[in-house]
C-alpha atoms as a PDB file:
ATOM      1  CA  MET A   1     105.862  80.916   6.490  1.00  0.00           C
ATOM      2  CA  VAL A   2     102.660  82.676   7.399  1.00  0.00           C
ATOM      3  CA  LEU A   3     104.537  85.283   9.435  1.00  0.00           C
ATOM      4  CA  ARG A   4     106.249  86.506   6.281  1.00  0.00           C
ATOM      5  CA  ALA A   5     102.908  86.887   4.506  1.00  0.00           C
ATOM      6  CA  ILE A   6     101.497  88.788   7.491  1.00  0.00           C
ATOM      7  CA  LYS A   7     104.511  91.123   7.655  1.00  0.00           C
ATOM      8  CA  THR A   8     104.710  91.733   3.895  1.00  0.00           C
ATOM      9  CA  ASN A   9     101.772  90.741   1.697  1.00  0.00           C
ATOM     10  CA  ALA A  10     100.186  87.581   0.397  1.00  0.00           C
ATOM     11  CA  ASN A  11     101.045  88.225  -3.265  1.00  0.00           C
ATOM     12  CA  GLU A  12     104.769  88.665  -2.610  1.00  0.00           C
ATOM     13  CA  SER A  13     104.865  85.650  -0.307  1.00  0.00           C
ATOM     14  CA  ALA A  14     102.970  83.423  -2.750  1.00  0.00           C
ATOM     15  CA  THR A  15     105.453  84.348  -5.484  1.00  0.00           C
ATOM     16  CA  VAL A  16     108.474  83.625  -3.255  1.00  0.00           C
ATOM     17  CA  TRP A  17     107.066  80.264  -2.141  1.00  0.00           C
ATOM     18  CA  LYS A  18     105.655  79.369  -5.570  1.00  0.00           C
ATOM     19  CA  LEU A  19     102.220  78.742  -4.045  1.00  0.00           C
ATOM     20  CA  PRO A  20      98.753  79.797  -5.201  1.00  0.00           C
ATOM     21  CA  ARG A  21      97.942  83.298  -3.942  1.00  0.00           C
ATOM     22  CA  GLN A  22      94.614  82.128  -2.524  1.00  0.00           C
ATOM     23  CA  THR A  23      96.362  79.521  -0.342  1.00  0.00           C
ATOM     24  CA  VAL A  24      98.512  82.197   1.277  1.00  0.00           C
ATOM     25  CA  VAL A  25      95.544  84.563   1.645  1.00  0.00           C
ATOM     26  CA  GLY A  26      93.668  81.752   3.417  1.00  0.00           C
ATOM     27  CA  TRP A  27      96.548  81.308   5.876  1.00  0.00           C
ATOM     28  CA  VAL A  28      96.637  85.042   6.649  1.00  0.00           C
ATOM     29  CA  GLU A  29      92.858  85.137   7.134  1.00  0.00           C
ATOM     30  CA  ALA A  30      92.991  82.070   9.419  1.00  0.00           C
ATOM     31  CA  HIS A  31      95.664  83.783  11.524  1.00  0.00           C
ATOM     32  CA  LYS A  32      93.676  87.014  11.779  1.00  0.00           C
ATOM     33  CA  ALA A  33      90.588  85.009  12.859  1.00  0.00           C
ATOM     34  CA  GLY A  34      92.617  83.238  15.565  1.00  0.00           C
ATOM     35  CA  ARG A  35      92.421  79.814  13.914  1.00  0.00           C
ATOM     36  CA  MET A  36      96.163  79.557  13.244  1.00  0.00           C
ATOM     37  CA  ASP A  37      99.017  80.117  15.700  1.00  0.00           C
ATOM     38  CA  VAL A  38     102.196  81.194  13.950  1.00  0.00           C
ATOM     39  CA  GLU A  39     104.404  82.398  16.784  1.00  0.00           C
ATOM     40  CA  GLY A  40     106.479  79.263  17.342  1.00  0.00           C
ATOM     41  CA  HIS A  41     108.627  78.152  14.434  1.00  0.00           C
ATOM     42  CA  LEU A  42     112.115  77.060  13.538  1.00  0.00           C
ATOM     43  CA  HIS A  43     114.042  79.788  11.767  1.00  0.00           C
ATOM     44  CA  HIS A  44     115.266  79.126   8.242  1.00  0.00           C
ATOM     45  CA  TRP A  45     118.141  81.586   7.820  1.00  0.00           C
ATOM     46  CA  ASP A  46     119.184  82.948   4.436  1.00  0.00           C
ATOM     47  CA  LEU A  47     122.796  84.114   4.665  1.00  0.00           C
ATOM     48  CA  PRO A  48     124.598  86.227   2.083  1.00  0.00           C
ATOM     49  CA  GLU A  49     128.019  85.421   0.715  1.00  0.00           C
ATOM     50  CA  PRO A  50     130.596  86.141   3.461  1.00  0.00           C
ATOM     51  CA  SER A  51     132.269  89.515   2.994  1.00  0.00           C
ATOM     52  CA  GLY A  52     133.767  90.178   6.402  1.00  0.00           C
ATOM     53  CA  PRO A  53     133.717  88.877   9.968  1.00  0.00           C
ATOM     54  CA  VAL A  54     129.914  89.142  10.270  1.00  0.00           C
ATOM     55  CA  VAL A  55     127.007  88.585   7.869  1.00  0.00           C
ATOM     56  CA  ARG A  56     123.376  89.613   8.350  1.00  0.00           C
ATOM     57  CA  GLY A  57     120.954  86.699   7.953  1.00  0.00           C
ATOM     58  CA  LYS A  58     117.201  86.890   7.464  1.00  0.00           C
ATOM     59  CA  CYS A  59     114.660  84.208   8.401  1.00  0.00           C
ATOM     60  CA  ARG A  60     112.556  83.131   5.422  1.00  0.00           C
ATOM     61  CA  ALA A  61     109.517  82.552   7.636  1.00  0.00           C
ATOM     62  CA  CYS A  62     109.300  85.627   9.879  1.00  0.00           C
ATOM     63  CA  LEU A  63     111.835  88.037   8.320  1.00  0.00           C
ATOM     64  CA  GLU A  64     113.711  88.370  11.632  1.00  0.00           C
ATOM     65  CA  GLU A  65     117.304  89.453  11.116  1.00  0.00           C
ATOM     66  CA  LYS A  66     120.357  88.233  12.998  1.00  0.00           C
ATOM     67  CA  ASP A  67     124.120  88.626  12.728  1.00  0.00           C
ATOM     68  CA  PHE A  68     126.254  85.521  12.163  1.00  0.00           C
ATOM     69  CA  ARG A  69     130.011  85.373  12.577  1.00  0.00           C
ATOM     70  CA  THR A  70     132.010  84.099   9.645  1.00  0.00           C
ATOM     71  CA  SER A  71     135.381  82.442   9.721  1.00  0.00           C
ATOM     72  CA  THR A  72     138.223  81.951   7.291  1.00  0.00           C
ATOM     73  CA  ASP A  73     140.081  79.781   9.791  1.00  0.00           C
ATOM     74  CA  PHE A  74     137.565  77.029  10.608  1.00  0.00           C
ATOM     75  CA  ARG A  75     138.840  74.650  13.276  1.00  0.00           C
ATOM     76  CA  GLY A  76     135.691  72.607  13.889  1.00  0.00           C
ATOM     77  CA  TRP A  77     132.563  73.019  15.942  1.00  0.00           C
ATOM     78  CA  LYS A  78     132.735  73.908  19.607  1.00  0.00           C
ATOM     79  CA  GLN A  79     130.622  71.772  21.911  1.00  0.00           C
ATOM     80  CA  ASN A  80     128.117  73.664  24.046  1.00  0.00           C
ATOM     81  CA  LYS A  81     128.847  73.558  27.763  1.00  0.00           C
ATOM     82  CA  ASN A  82     125.319  72.194  28.349  1.00  0.00           C
ATOM     83  CA  ASP A  83     125.701  69.289  25.911  1.00  0.00           C
ATOM     84  CA  ASP A  84     126.242  65.983  27.652  1.00  0.00           C
ATOM     85  CA  ASP A  85     125.765  63.855  24.527  1.00  0.00           C
END
């Protein structure tokens, strides 16, 4: 979550997350001072309503964008070649 506040601003991020502004400002200051590592995180993708074969998702935490394929003919999940489970 801190990556979003660093890339945008603390006020906007605090509003989105419904957190006190000072909490978010403290996170940003801790990152700038080197007391908080924010590089590794799990993405939390927000995807728009499908309107074609591909949709553009945006991570809530770091604002990274990525394309996701959509499907109107879902036939189940494919197993990864590396999965032995």
